[in-house]
Full PDB file with SEQRES, HELIX, SHEET, SSBOND, CRYST1, ORIGX, SCALE, CONECT and MASTER records, all heavy atoms in Angstrom:
SEQRES   1 A   42  ASN ALA CYS HIS TYR THR ASP HIS VAL ILE GLY SER TYR          
SEQRES   2 A   42  LEU ALA HIS LEU LYS GLU ILE GLY ILE TYR ASP ASN THR          
SEQRES   3 A   42  ILE ILE ILE ILE THR SER TYR HIS HIS VAL HIS THR ALA          
SEQRES   4 A   42  ASN PHE GLY                                                  
HELIX    1 AA1 ALA A    2  GLU A   19  1                                  18    
HELIX    2 AA2 TYR A   23  ASN A   25  5                                   3    
CRYST1    1.000    1.000    1.000  90.00  90.00  90.00 P 1           1          
ORIGX1      1.000000  0.000000  0.000000        0.00000                         
ORIGX2      0.000000  1.000000  0.000000        0.00000                         
ORIGX3      0.000000  0.000000  1.000000        0.00000                         
SCALE1      1.000000  0.000000  0.000000        0.00000                         
SCALE2      0.000000  1.000000  0.000000        0.00000                         
SCALE3      0.000000  0.000000  1.000000        0.00000                         
ATOM      1  N   ASN A   1       9.002   8.016   7.173  1.00  0.00           N  
ATOM      2  CA  ASN A   1       7.735   8.652   7.522  1.00  0.00           C  
ATOM      3  C   ASN A   1       6.759   8.544   6.341  1.00  0.00           C  
ATOM      4  O   ASN A   1       5.586   8.224   6.530  1.00  0.00           O  
ATOM      5  CB  ASN A   1       7.971  10.114   7.908  1.00  0.00           C  
ATOM      6  CG  ASN A   1       6.690  10.835   8.230  1.00  0.00           C  
ATOM      7  OD1 ASN A   1       6.060  11.402   7.328  1.00  0.00           O  
ATOM      8  ND2 ASN A   1       6.303  10.836   9.494  1.00  0.00           N  
ATOM      9  N   ALA A   2       7.246   8.785   5.130  1.00  0.00           N  
ATOM     10  CA  ALA A   2       6.400   8.657   3.941  1.00  0.00           C  
ATOM     11  C   ALA A   2       5.960   7.203   3.756  1.00  0.00           C  
ATOM     12  O   ALA A   2       4.812   6.940   3.386  1.00  0.00           O  
ATOM     13  CB  ALA A   2       7.149   9.155   2.702  1.00  0.00           C  
ATOM     14  N   CYS A   3       6.857   6.253   4.042  1.00  0.00           N  
ATOM     15  CA  CYS A   3       6.495   4.827   3.974  1.00  0.00           C  
ATOM     16  C   CYS A   3       5.381   4.517   4.968  1.00  0.00           C  
ATOM     17  O   CYS A   3       4.411   3.817   4.640  1.00  0.00           O  
ATOM     18  CB  CYS A   3       7.699   3.944   4.273  1.00  0.00           C  
ATOM     19  SG  CYS A   3       8.956   3.922   2.999  1.00  0.00           S  
ATOM     20  N   HIS A   4       5.515   5.028   6.186  1.00  0.00           N  
ATOM     21  CA  HIS A   4       4.492   4.800   7.212  1.00  0.00           C  
ATOM     22  C   HIS A   4       3.149   5.343   6.763  1.00  0.00           C  
ATOM     23  O   HIS A   4       2.118   4.688   6.889  1.00  0.00           O  
ATOM     24  CB  HIS A   4       4.925   5.457   8.529  1.00  0.00           C  
ATOM     25  CG  HIS A   4       3.934   5.282   9.627  1.00  0.00           C  
ATOM     26  ND1 HIS A   4       2.942   6.209   9.872  1.00  0.00           N  
ATOM     27  CD2 HIS A   4       3.753   4.278  10.517  1.00  0.00           C  
ATOM     28  CE1 HIS A   4       2.204   5.789  10.870  1.00  0.00           C  
ATOM     29  NE2 HIS A   4       2.667   4.630  11.285  1.00  0.00           N  
ATOM     30  N   TYR A   5       3.147   6.549   6.206  1.00  0.00           N  
ATOM     31  CA  TYR A   5       1.912   7.160   5.721  1.00  0.00           C  
ATOM     32  C   TYR A   5       1.289   6.309   4.608  1.00  0.00           C  
ATOM     33  O   TYR A   5       0.096   6.024   4.623  1.00  0.00           O  
ATOM     34  CB  TYR A   5       2.190   8.577   5.223  1.00  0.00           C  
ATOM     35  CG  TYR A   5       0.998   9.199   4.543  1.00  0.00           C  
ATOM     36  CD1 TYR A   5      -0.054   9.718   5.295  1.00  0.00           C  
ATOM     37  CD2 TYR A   5       0.914   9.254   3.156  1.00  0.00           C  
ATOM     38  CE1 TYR A   5      -1.164  10.279   4.682  1.00  0.00           C  
ATOM     39  CE2 TYR A   5      -0.193   9.808   2.537  1.00  0.00           C  
ATOM     40  CZ  TYR A   5      -1.224  10.312   3.301  1.00  0.00           C  
ATOM     41  OH  TYR A   5      -2.318  10.861   2.686  1.00  0.00           O  
ATOM     42  N   THR A   6       2.112   5.895   3.655  1.00  0.00           N  
ATOM     43  CA  THR A   6       1.625   5.077   2.536  1.00  0.00           C  
ATOM     44  C   THR A   6       1.068   3.758   3.048  1.00  0.00           C  
ATOM     45  O   THR A   6      -0.008   3.320   2.614  1.00  0.00           O  
ATOM     46  CB  THR A   6       2.755   4.842   1.516  1.00  0.00           C  
ATOM     47  OG1 THR A   6       3.213   6.116   1.040  1.00  0.00           O  
ATOM     48  CG2 THR A   6       2.285   4.002   0.343  1.00  0.00           C  
ATOM     49  N   ASP A   7       1.764   3.110   3.969  1.00  0.00           N  
ATOM     50  CA  ASP A   7       1.275   1.855   4.559  1.00  0.00           C  
ATOM     51  C   ASP A   7      -0.074   2.063   5.238  1.00  0.00           C  
ATOM     52  O   ASP A   7      -0.983   1.235   5.118  1.00  0.00           O  
ATOM     53  CB  ASP A   7       2.278   1.304   5.572  1.00  0.00           C  
ATOM     54  CG  ASP A   7       3.528   0.746   4.921  1.00  0.00           C  
ATOM     55  OD1 ASP A   7       3.554   0.593   3.682  1.00  0.00           O  
ATOM     56  OD2 ASP A   7       4.492   0.475   5.655  1.00  0.00           O  
ATOM     57  N   HIS A   8      -0.225   3.170   5.950  1.00  0.00           N  
ATOM     58  CA  HIS A   8      -1.487   3.481   6.636  1.00  0.00           C  
ATOM     59  C   HIS A   8      -2.630   3.630   5.623  1.00  0.00           C  
ATOM     60  O   HIS A   8      -3.723   3.103   5.830  1.00  0.00           O  
ATOM     61  CB  HIS A   8      -1.342   4.741   7.479  1.00  0.00           C  
ATOM     62  CG  HIS A   8      -2.616   5.202   8.090  1.00  0.00           C  
ATOM     63  ND1 HIS A   8      -3.199   4.573   9.170  1.00  0.00           N  
ATOM     64  CD2 HIS A   8      -3.447   6.211   7.749  1.00  0.00           C  
ATOM     65  CE1 HIS A   8      -4.332   5.167   9.463  1.00  0.00           C  
ATOM     66  NE2 HIS A   8      -4.509   6.172   8.616  1.00  0.00           N  
ATOM     67  N   VAL A   9      -2.374   4.350   4.542  1.00  0.00           N  
ATOM     68  CA  VAL A   9      -3.407   4.574   3.527  1.00  0.00           C  
ATOM     69  C   VAL A   9      -3.769   3.261   2.836  1.00  0.00           C  
ATOM     70  O   VAL A   9      -4.949   2.982   2.601  1.00  0.00           O  
ATOM     71  CB  VAL A   9      -2.957   5.655   2.518  1.00  0.00           C  
ATOM     72  CG1 VAL A   9      -3.930   5.774   1.362  1.00  0.00           C  
ATOM     73  CG2 VAL A   9      -2.806   6.998   3.223  1.00  0.00           C  
ATOM     74  N   ILE A  10      -2.785   2.437   2.522  1.00  0.00           N  
ATOM     75  CA  ILE A  10      -3.071   1.131   1.917  1.00  0.00           C  
ATOM     76  C   ILE A  10      -3.900   0.292   2.884  1.00  0.00           C  
ATOM     77  O   ILE A  10      -4.869  -0.356   2.489  1.00  0.00           O  
ATOM     78  CB  ILE A  10      -1.765   0.406   1.517  1.00  0.00           C  
ATOM     79  CG1 ILE A  10      -1.114   1.121   0.330  1.00  0.00           C  
ATOM     80  CG2 ILE A  10      -2.035  -1.065   1.182  1.00  0.00           C  
ATOM     81  CD1 ILE A  10       0.285   0.628   0.006  1.00  0.00           C  
ATOM     82  N   GLY A  11      -3.545   0.309   4.156  1.00  0.00           N  
ATOM     83  CA  GLY A  11      -4.311  -0.422   5.168  1.00  0.00           C  
ATOM     84  C   GLY A  11      -5.756   0.053   5.238  1.00  0.00           C  
ATOM     85  O   GLY A  11      -6.682  -0.761   5.356  1.00  0.00           O  
ATOM     86  N   SER A  12      -5.959   1.358   5.135  1.00  0.00           N  
ATOM     87  CA  SER A  12      -7.320   1.903   5.132  1.00  0.00           C  
ATOM     88  C   SER A  12      -8.094   1.416   3.916  1.00  0.00           C  
ATOM     89  O   SER A  12      -9.284   1.094   4.011  1.00  0.00           O  
ATOM     90  CB  SER A  12      -7.286   3.436   5.139  1.00  0.00           C  
ATOM     91  OG  SER A  12      -6.713   3.910   6.326  1.00  0.00           O  
ATOM     92  N   TYR A  13      -7.443   1.358   2.757  1.00  0.00           N  
ATOM     93  CA  TYR A  13      -8.101   0.882   1.542  1.00  0.00           C  
ATOM     94  C   TYR A  13      -8.472  -0.595   1.672  1.00  0.00           C  
ATOM     95  O   TYR A  13      -9.581  -1.000   1.309  1.00  0.00           O  
ATOM     96  CB  TYR A  13      -7.221   1.119   0.315  1.00  0.00           C  
ATOM     97  CG  TYR A  13      -7.885   0.685  -0.969  1.00  0.00           C  
ATOM     98  CD1 TYR A  13      -8.999   1.364  -1.462  1.00  0.00           C  
ATOM     99  CD2 TYR A  13      -7.405  -0.395  -1.689  1.00  0.00           C  
ATOM    100  CE1 TYR A  13      -9.622   0.965  -2.635  1.00  0.00           C  
ATOM    101  CE2 TYR A  13      -8.025  -0.794  -2.866  1.00  0.00           C  
ATOM    102  CZ  TYR A  13      -9.127  -0.111  -3.333  1.00  0.00           C  
ATOM    103  OH  TYR A  13      -9.742  -0.512  -4.493  1.00  0.00           O  
ATOM    104  N   LEU A  14      -7.573  -1.403   2.208  1.00  0.00           N  
ATOM    105  CA  LEU A  14      -7.874  -2.826   2.397  1.00  0.00           C  
ATOM    106  C   LEU A  14      -9.033  -3.001   3.375  1.00  0.00           C  
ATOM    107  O   LEU A  14      -9.917  -3.843   3.160  1.00  0.00           O  
ATOM    108  CB  LEU A  14      -6.638  -3.580   2.885  1.00  0.00           C  
ATOM    109  CG  LEU A  14      -5.455  -3.624   1.913  1.00  0.00           C  
ATOM    110  CD1 LEU A  14      -4.275  -4.366   2.536  1.00  0.00           C  
ATOM    111  CD2 LEU A  14      -5.831  -4.221   0.582  1.00  0.00           C  
ATOM    112  N   ALA A  15      -9.054  -2.193   4.434  1.00  0.00           N  
ATOM    113  CA  ALA A  15     -10.172  -2.251   5.382  1.00  0.00           C  
ATOM    114  C   ALA A  15     -11.478  -1.868   4.691  1.00  0.00           C  
ATOM    115  O   ALA A  15     -12.531  -2.470   4.945  1.00  0.00           O  
ATOM    116  CB  ALA A  15      -9.904  -1.325   6.571  1.00  0.00           C  
ATOM    117  N   HIS A  16     -11.432  -0.897   3.789  1.00  0.00           N  
ATOM    118  CA  HIS A  16     -12.609  -0.484   3.033  1.00  0.00           C  
ATOM    119  C   HIS A  16     -13.116  -1.646   2.161  1.00  0.00           C  
ATOM    120  O   HIS A  16     -14.323  -1.890   2.100  1.00  0.00           O  
ATOM    121  CB  HIS A  16     -12.274   0.735   2.163  1.00  0.00           C  
ATOM    122  CG  HIS A  16     -13.305   1.073   1.143  1.00  0.00           C  
ATOM    123  ND1 HIS A  16     -14.522   1.642   1.461  1.00  0.00           N  
ATOM    124  CD2 HIS A  16     -13.310   0.898  -0.194  1.00  0.00           C  
ATOM    125  CE1 HIS A  16     -15.221   1.810   0.357  1.00  0.00           C  
ATOM    126  NE2 HIS A  16     -14.506   1.376  -0.662  1.00  0.00           N  
ATOM    127  N   LEU A  17     -12.207  -2.331   1.482  1.00  0.00           N  
ATOM    128  CA  LEU A  17     -12.612  -3.474   0.652  1.00  0.00           C  
ATOM    129  C   LEU A  17     -13.291  -4.548   1.499  1.00  0.00           C  
ATOM    130  O   LEU A  17     -14.285  -5.154   1.076  1.00  0.00           O  
ATOM    131  CB  LEU A  17     -11.407  -4.066  -0.086  1.00  0.00           C  
ATOM    132  CG  LEU A  17     -10.737  -3.181  -1.139  1.00  0.00           C  
ATOM    133  CD1 LEU A  17      -9.509  -3.875  -1.708  1.00  0.00           C  
ATOM    134  CD2 LEU A  17     -11.702  -2.793  -2.242  1.00  0.00           C  
ATOM    135  N   LYS A  18     -12.773  -4.765   2.711  1.00  0.00           N  
ATOM    136  CA  LYS A  18     -13.401  -5.741   3.612  1.00  0.00           C  
ATOM    137  C   LYS A  18     -14.776  -5.248   4.063  1.00  0.00           C  
ATOM    138  O   LYS A  18     -15.739  -6.016   4.098  1.00  0.00           O  
ATOM    139  CB  LYS A  18     -12.502  -5.992   4.829  1.00  0.00           C  
ATOM    140  CG  LYS A  18     -11.243  -6.759   4.482  1.00  0.00           C  
ATOM    141  CD  LYS A  18     -10.330  -6.903   5.687  1.00  0.00           C  
ATOM    142  CE  LYS A  18      -9.046  -7.621   5.296  1.00  0.00           C  
ATOM    143  NZ  LYS A  18      -8.119  -7.756   6.427  1.00  0.00           N  
ATOM    144  N   GLU A  19     -14.855  -3.972   4.392  1.00  0.00           N  
ATOM    145  CA  GLU A  19     -16.109  -3.387   4.871  1.00  0.00           C  
ATOM    146  C   GLU A  19     -17.231  -3.507   3.838  1.00  0.00           C  
ATOM    147  O   GLU A  19     -18.379  -3.763   4.194  1.00  0.00           O  
ATOM    148  CB  GLU A  19     -15.869  -1.916   5.219  1.00  0.00           C  
ATOM    149  CG  GLU A  19     -17.070  -1.176   5.741  1.00  0.00           C  
ATOM    150  CD  GLU A  19     -16.713   0.283   6.010  1.00  0.00           C  
ATOM    151  OE1 GLU A  19     -15.773   0.530   6.793  1.00  0.00           O  
ATOM    152  OE2 GLU A  19     -17.379   1.153   5.423  1.00  0.00           O  
ATOM    153  N   ILE A  20     -16.910  -3.344   2.552  1.00  0.00           N  
ATOM    154  CA  ILE A  20     -17.952  -3.409   1.527  1.00  0.00           C  
ATOM    155  C   ILE A  20     -18.122  -4.822   0.965  1.00  0.00           C  
ATOM    156  O   ILE A  20     -18.915  -5.038   0.057  1.00  0.00           O  
ATOM    157  CB  ILE A  20     -17.716  -2.378   0.397  1.00  0.00           C  
ATOM    158  CG1 ILE A  20     -16.437  -2.670  -0.382  1.00  0.00           C  
ATOM    159  CG2 ILE A  20     -17.740  -0.969   0.949  1.00  0.00           C  
ATOM    160  CD1 ILE A  20     -16.247  -1.790  -1.613  1.00  0.00           C  
ATOM    161  N   GLY A  21     -17.356  -5.776   1.515  1.00  0.00           N  
ATOM    162  CA  GLY A  21     -17.564  -7.183   1.191  1.00  0.00           C  
ATOM    163  C   GLY A  21     -16.948  -7.693  -0.093  1.00  0.00           C  
ATOM    164  O   GLY A  21     -17.367  -8.730  -0.605  1.00  0.00           O  
ATOM    165  N   ILE A  22     -15.933  -7.001  -0.635  1.00  0.00           N  
ATOM    166  CA  ILE A  22     -15.332  -7.497  -1.875  1.00  0.00           C  
ATOM    167  C   ILE A  22     -13.859  -7.897  -1.721  1.00  0.00           C  
ATOM    168  O   ILE A  22     -13.233  -8.354  -2.665  1.00  0.00           O  
ATOM    169  CB  ILE A  22     -15.480  -6.484  -3.032  1.00  0.00           C  
ATOM    170  CG1 ILE A  22     -14.703  -5.189  -2.770  1.00  0.00           C  
ATOM    171  CG2 ILE A  22     -16.945  -6.196  -3.319  1.00  0.00           C  
ATOM    172  CD1 ILE A  22     -14.661  -4.249  -3.963  1.00  0.00           C  
ATOM    173  N   TYR A  23     -13.314  -7.768  -0.520  1.00  0.00           N  
ATOM    174  CA  TYR A  23     -11.903  -8.074  -0.286  1.00  0.00           C  
ATOM    175  C   TYR A  23     -11.550  -9.502  -0.708  1.00  0.00           C  
ATOM    176  O   TYR A  23     -10.572  -9.718  -1.427  1.00  0.00           O  
ATOM    177  CB  TYR A  23     -11.550  -7.858   1.189  1.00  0.00           C  
ATOM    178  CG  TYR A  23     -10.137  -8.247   1.538  1.00  0.00           C  
ATOM    179  CD1 TYR A  23      -9.103  -7.337   1.375  1.00  0.00           C  
ATOM    180  CD2 TYR A  23      -9.831  -9.520   2.025  1.00  0.00           C  
ATOM    181  CE1 TYR A  23      -7.798  -7.680   1.698  1.00  0.00           C  
ATOM    182  CE2 TYR A  23      -8.531  -9.876   2.347  1.00  0.00           C  
ATOM    183  CZ  TYR A  23      -7.518  -8.952   2.177  1.00  0.00           C  
ATOM    184  OH  TYR A  23      -6.227  -9.300   2.480  1.00  0.00           O  
ATOM    185  N   ASP A  24     -12.342 -10.480  -0.282  1.00  0.00           N  
ATOM    186  CA  ASP A  24     -12.019 -11.885  -0.541  1.00  0.00           C  
ATOM    187  C   ASP A  24     -12.104 -12.258  -2.014  1.00  0.00           C  
ATOM    188  O   ASP A  24     -11.533 -13.270  -2.432  1.00  0.00           O  
ATOM    189  CB  ASP A  24     -12.931 -12.805   0.275  1.00  0.00           C  
ATOM    190  CG  ASP A  24     -12.634 -12.705   1.770  1.00  0.00           C  
ATOM    191  OD1 ASP A  24     -11.466 -12.480   2.132  1.00  0.00           O  
ATOM    192  OD2 ASP A  24     -13.581 -12.848   2.567  1.00  0.00           O  
ATOM    193  N   ASN A  25     -12.790 -11.464  -2.817  1.00  0.00           N  
ATOM    194  CA  ASN A  25     -12.911 -11.736  -4.252  1.00  0.00           C  
ATOM    195  C   ASN A  25     -12.092 -10.763  -5.086  1.00  0.00           C  
ATOM    196  O   ASN A  25     -12.398 -10.530  -6.251  1.00  0.00           O  
ATOM    197  CB  ASN A  25     -14.389 -11.652  -4.675  1.00  0.00           C  
ATOM    198  CG  ASN A  25     -15.201 -12.755  -4.063  1.00  0.00           C  
ATOM    199  OD1 ASN A  25     -14.729 -13.879  -3.931  1.00  0.00           O  
ATOM    200  ND2 ASN A  25     -16.409 -12.441  -3.658  1.00  0.00           N  
ATOM    201  N   THR A  26     -11.074 -10.203  -4.476  1.00  0.00           N  
ATOM    202  CA  THR A  26     -10.253  -9.194  -5.138  1.00  0.00           C  
ATOM    203  C   THR A  26      -8.793  -9.626  -5.123  1.00  0.00           C  
ATOM    204  O   THR A  26      -8.258  -9.964  -4.069  1.00  0.00           O  
ATOM    205  CB  THR A  26     -10.393  -7.833  -4.412  1.00  0.00           C  
ATOM    206  OG1 THR A  26     -11.774  -7.465  -4.383  1.00  0.00           O  
ATOM    207  CG2 THR A  26      -9.600  -6.754  -5.097  1.00  0.00           C  
ATOM    208  N   ILE A  27      -8.161  -9.630  -6.289  1.00  0.00           N  
ATOM    209  CA  ILE A  27      -6.711  -9.827  -6.338  1.00  0.00           C  
ATOM    210  C   ILE A  27      -6.092  -8.445  -6.140  1.00  0.00           C  
ATOM    211  O   ILE A  27      -6.394  -7.505  -6.871  1.00  0.00           O  
ATOM    212  CB  ILE A  27      -6.253 -10.431  -7.676  1.00  0.00           C  
ATOM    213  CG1 ILE A  27      -6.815 -11.850  -7.842  1.00  0.00           C  
ATOM    214  CG2 ILE A  27      -4.722 -10.464  -7.747  1.00  0.00           C  
ATOM    215  CD1 ILE A  27      -6.508 -12.476  -9.186  1.00  0.00           C  
ATOM    216  N   ILE A  28      -5.254  -8.337  -5.148  1.00  0.00           N  
ATOM    217  CA  ILE A  28      -4.642  -7.060  -4.792  1.00  0.00           C  
ATOM    218  C   ILE A  28      -3.138  -7.178  -5.022  1.00  0.00           C  
ATOM    219  O   ILE A  28      -2.492  -8.089  -4.494  1.00  0.00           O  
ATOM    220  CB  ILE A  28      -4.929  -6.719  -3.320  1.00  0.00           C  
ATOM    221  CG1 ILE A  28      -6.442  -6.633  -3.105  1.00  0.00           C  
ATOM    222  CG2 ILE A  28      -4.224  -5.423  -2.915  1.00  0.00           C  
ATOM    223  CD1 ILE A  28      -6.861  -6.726  -1.668  1.00  0.00           C  
ATOM    224  N   ILE A  29      -2.608  -6.276  -5.826  1.00  0.00           N  
ATOM    225  CA  ILE A  29      -1.168  -6.249  -6.075  1.00  0.00           C  
ATOM    226  C   ILE A  29      -0.650  -4.901  -5.606  1.00  0.00           C  
ATOM    227  O   ILE A  29      -1.122  -3.854  -6.053  1.00  0.00           O  
ATOM    228  CB  ILE A  29      -0.847  -6.466  -7.569  1.00  0.00           C  
ATOM    229  CG1 ILE A  29      -1.371  -7.831  -8.020  1.00  0.00           C  
ATOM    230  CG2 ILE A  29       0.657  -6.338  -7.811  1.00  0.00           C  
ATOM    231  CD1 ILE A  29      -1.235  -8.094  -9.495  1.00  0.00           C  
ATOM    232  N   ILE A  30       0.287  -4.950  -4.702  1.00  0.00           N  
ATOM    233  CA  ILE A  30       0.906  -3.727  -4.185  1.00  0.00           C  
ATOM    234  C   ILE A  30       2.358  -3.766  -4.633  1.00  0.00           C  
ATOM    235  O   ILE A  30       3.091  -4.713  -4.336  1.00  0.00           O  
ATOM    236  CB  ILE A  30       0.812  -3.662  -2.647  1.00  0.00           C  
ATOM    237  CG1 ILE A  30      -0.659  -3.714  -2.216  1.00  0.00           C  
ATOM    238  CG2 ILE A  30       1.509  -2.407  -2.129  1.00  0.00           C  
ATOM    239  CD1 ILE A  30      -0.853  -3.908  -0.727  1.00  0.00           C  
ATOM    240  N   THR A  31       2.756  -2.744  -5.364  1.00  0.00           N  
ATOM    241  CA  THR A  31       4.124  -2.722  -5.871  1.00  0.00           C  
ATOM    242  C   THR A  31       4.594  -1.288  -6.089  1.00  0.00           C  
ATOM    243  O   THR A  31       3.835  -0.343  -5.982  1.00  0.00           O  
ATOM    244  CB  THR A  31       4.240  -3.521  -7.194  1.00  0.00           C  
ATOM    245  OG1 THR A  31       5.615  -3.667  -7.533  1.00  0.00           O  
ATOM    246  CG2 THR A  31       3.493  -2.841  -8.326  1.00  0.00           C  
ATOM    247  N   SER A  32       5.832  -1.175  -6.402  1.00  0.00           N  
ATOM    248  CA  SER A  32       6.444   0.091  -6.771  1.00  0.00           C  
ATOM    249  C   SER A  32       6.955  -0.065  -8.192  1.00  0.00           C  
ATOM    250  O   SER A  32       7.226  -1.180  -8.630  1.00  0.00           O  
ATOM    251  CB  SER A  32       7.613   0.378  -5.829  1.00  0.00           C  
ATOM    252  OG  SER A  32       8.342   1.499  -6.261  1.00  0.00           O  
ATOM    253  N   TYR A  33       7.086   1.019  -8.908  1.00  0.00           N  
ATOM    254  CA  TYR A  33       7.622   0.868 -10.257  1.00  0.00           C  
ATOM    255  C   TYR A  33       9.100   1.199 -10.343  1.00  0.00           C  
ATOM    256  O   TYR A  33       9.709   1.087 -11.387  1.00  0.00           O  
ATOM    257  CB  TYR A  33       6.804   1.641 -11.301  1.00  0.00           C  
ATOM    258  CG  TYR A  33       6.850   3.132 -11.195  1.00  0.00           C  
ATOM    259  CD1 TYR A  33       7.793   3.870 -11.896  1.00  0.00           C  
ATOM    260  CD2 TYR A  33       5.933   3.815 -10.428  1.00  0.00           C  
ATOM    261  CE1 TYR A  33       7.830   5.235 -11.822  1.00  0.00           C  
ATOM    262  CE2 TYR A  33       5.952   5.184 -10.350  1.00  0.00           C  
ATOM    263  CZ  TYR A  33       6.899   5.893 -11.055  1.00  0.00           C  
ATOM    264  OH  TYR A  33       6.930   7.256 -10.966  1.00  0.00           O  
ATOM    265  N   HIS A  34       9.683   1.591  -9.242  1.00  0.00           N  
ATOM    266  CA  HIS A  34      11.136   1.740  -9.182  1.00  0.00           C  
ATOM    267  C   HIS A  34      11.567   1.788  -7.723  1.00  0.00           C  
ATOM    268  O   HIS A  34      10.748   1.949  -6.824  1.00  0.00           O  
ATOM    269  CB  HIS A  34      11.633   2.975  -9.938  1.00  0.00           C  
ATOM    270  CG  HIS A  34      11.087   4.281  -9.426  1.00  0.00           C  
ATOM    271  ND1 HIS A  34      11.470   4.831  -8.223  1.00  0.00           N  
ATOM    272  CD2 HIS A  34      10.175   5.119  -9.941  1.00  0.00           C  
ATOM    273  CE1 HIS A  34      10.827   5.968  -8.033  1.00  0.00           C  
ATOM    274  NE2 HIS A  34      10.021   6.158  -9.065  1.00  0.00           N  
ATOM    275  N   HIS A  35      12.853   1.625  -7.502  1.00  0.00           N  
ATOM    276  CA  HIS A  35      13.378   1.698  -6.143  1.00  0.00           C  
ATOM    277  C   HIS A  35      13.606   3.167  -5.769  1.00  0.00           C  
ATOM    278  O   HIS A  35      13.399   4.064  -6.580  1.00  0.00           O  
ATOM    279  CB  HIS A  35      14.678   0.891  -6.044  1.00  0.00           C  
ATOM    280  CG  HIS A  35      15.777   1.427  -6.927  1.00  0.00           C  
ATOM    281  ND1 HIS A  35      15.819   1.179  -8.278  1.00  0.00           N  
ATOM    282  CD2 HIS A  35      16.834   2.205  -6.650  1.00  0.00           C  
ATOM    283  CE1 HIS A  35      16.877   1.783  -8.801  1.00  0.00           C  
ATOM    284  NE2 HIS A  35      17.503   2.416  -7.840  1.00  0.00           N  
ATOM    285  N   VAL A  36      14.043   3.396  -4.567  1.00  0.00           N  
ATOM    286  CA  VAL A  36      14.284   4.750  -4.080  1.00  0.00           C  
ATOM    287  C   VAL A  36      15.444   5.369  -4.853  1.00  0.00           C  
ATOM    288  O   VAL A  36      16.496   4.762  -4.992  1.00  0.00           O  
ATOM    289  CB  VAL A  36      14.633   4.724  -2.573  1.00  0.00           C  
ATOM    290  CG1 VAL A  36      14.989   6.106  -2.085  1.00  0.00           C  
ATOM    291  CG2 VAL A  36      13.480   4.151  -1.784  1.00  0.00           C  
ATOM    292  N   HIS A  37      15.236   6.585  -5.335  1.00  0.00           N  
ATOM    293  CA  HIS A  37      16.289   7.281  -6.072  1.00  0.00           C  
ATOM    294  C   HIS A  37      16.890   8.368  -5.199  1.00  0.00           C  
ATOM    295  O   HIS A  37      16.523   9.537  -5.292  1.00  0.00           O  
ATOM    296  CB  HIS A  37      15.724   7.906  -7.346  1.00  0.00           C  
ATOM    297  CG  HIS A  37      15.269   6.898  -8.329  1.00  0.00           C  
ATOM    298  ND1 HIS A  37      14.437   7.188  -9.358  1.00  0.00           N  
ATOM    299  CD2 HIS A  37      15.527   5.582  -8.445  1.00  0.00           C  
ATOM    300  CE1 HIS A  37      14.197   6.121 -10.070  1.00  0.00           C  
ATOM    301  NE2 HIS A  37      14.849   5.126  -9.523  1.00  0.00           N  
ATOM    302  N   THR A  38      17.774   7.975  -4.350  1.00  0.00           N  
ATOM    303  CA  THR A  38      18.486   8.937  -3.511  1.00  0.00           C  
ATOM    304  C   THR A  38      19.848   8.349  -3.171  1.00  0.00           C  
ATOM    305  O   THR A  38      20.014   7.141  -3.151  1.00  0.00           O  
ATOM    306  CB  THR A  38      17.690   9.280  -2.234  1.00  0.00           C  
ATOM    307  OG1 THR A  38      18.404  10.288  -1.525  1.00  0.00           O  
ATOM    308  CG2 THR A  38      17.499   8.085  -1.344  1.00  0.00           C  
ATOM    309  N   ALA A  39      20.778   9.205  -2.917  1.00  0.00           N  
ATOM    310  CA  ALA A  39      22.134   8.744  -2.611  1.00  0.00           C  
ATOM    311  C   ALA A  39      22.434   8.789  -1.127  1.00  0.00           C  
ATOM    312  O   ALA A  39      23.508   8.414  -0.708  1.00  0.00           O  
ATOM    313  CB  ALA A  39      23.150   9.595  -3.371  1.00  0.00           C  
ATOM    314  N   ASN A  40      21.501   9.255  -0.317  1.00  0.00           N  
ATOM    315  CA  ASN A  40      21.800   9.493   1.081  1.00  0.00           C  
ATOM    316  C   ASN A  40      21.319   8.406   2.033  1.00  0.00           C  
ATOM    317  O   ASN A  40      21.198   8.648   3.214  1.00  0.00           O  
ATOM    318  CB  ASN A  40      21.206  10.843   1.500  1.00  0.00           C  
ATOM    319  CG  ASN A  40      21.796  11.979   0.712  1.00  0.00           C  
ATOM    320  OD1 ASN A  40      22.962  11.931   0.347  1.00  0.00           O  
ATOM    321  ND2 ASN A  40      21.007  12.980   0.424  1.00  0.00           N  
ATOM    322  N   PHE A  41      21.010   7.224   1.532  1.00  0.00           N  
ATOM    323  CA  PHE A  41      20.520   6.169   2.399  1.00  0.00           C  
ATOM    324  C   PHE A  41      21.600   5.160   2.758  1.00  0.00           C  
ATOM    325  O   PHE A  41      21.389   4.290   3.573  1.00  0.00           O  
ATOM    326  CB  PHE A  41      19.345   5.436   1.762  1.00  0.00           C  
ATOM    327  CG  PHE A  41      18.060   6.228   1.742  1.00  0.00           C  
ATOM    328  CD1 PHE A  41      18.021   7.564   2.074  1.00  0.00           C  
ATOM    329  CD2 PHE A  41      16.891   5.617   1.391  1.00  0.00           C  
ATOM    330  CE1 PHE A  41      16.845   8.290   2.048  1.00  0.00           C  
ATOM    331  CE2 PHE A  41      15.705   6.326   1.361  1.00  0.00           C  
ATOM    332  CZ  PHE A  41      15.682   7.660   1.690  1.00  0.00           C  
ATOM    333  N   GLY A  42      22.767   5.265   2.124  1.00  0.00           N  
ATOM    334  CA  GLY A  42      23.871   4.377   2.448  1.00  0.00           C  
ATOM    335  C   GLY A  42      23.493   2.916   2.389  1.00  0.00           C  
ATOM    336  O   GLY A  42      22.904   2.450   1.428  1.00  0.00           O  
TER     337      GLY A  42                                                      
MASTER        0    0    0    2    0    0    0    6  336    1    0    4          
END                                                                             
């Protein structure tokens, strides 16, 4: 659910960059600085 929310917000930001006309001239890097820290995902 948190992943879905984050994906939605990133999508909104990318749409904003397109709307203001700078998307095509922007290098966009989407990353995490670590993996999930939980033991319950098997």
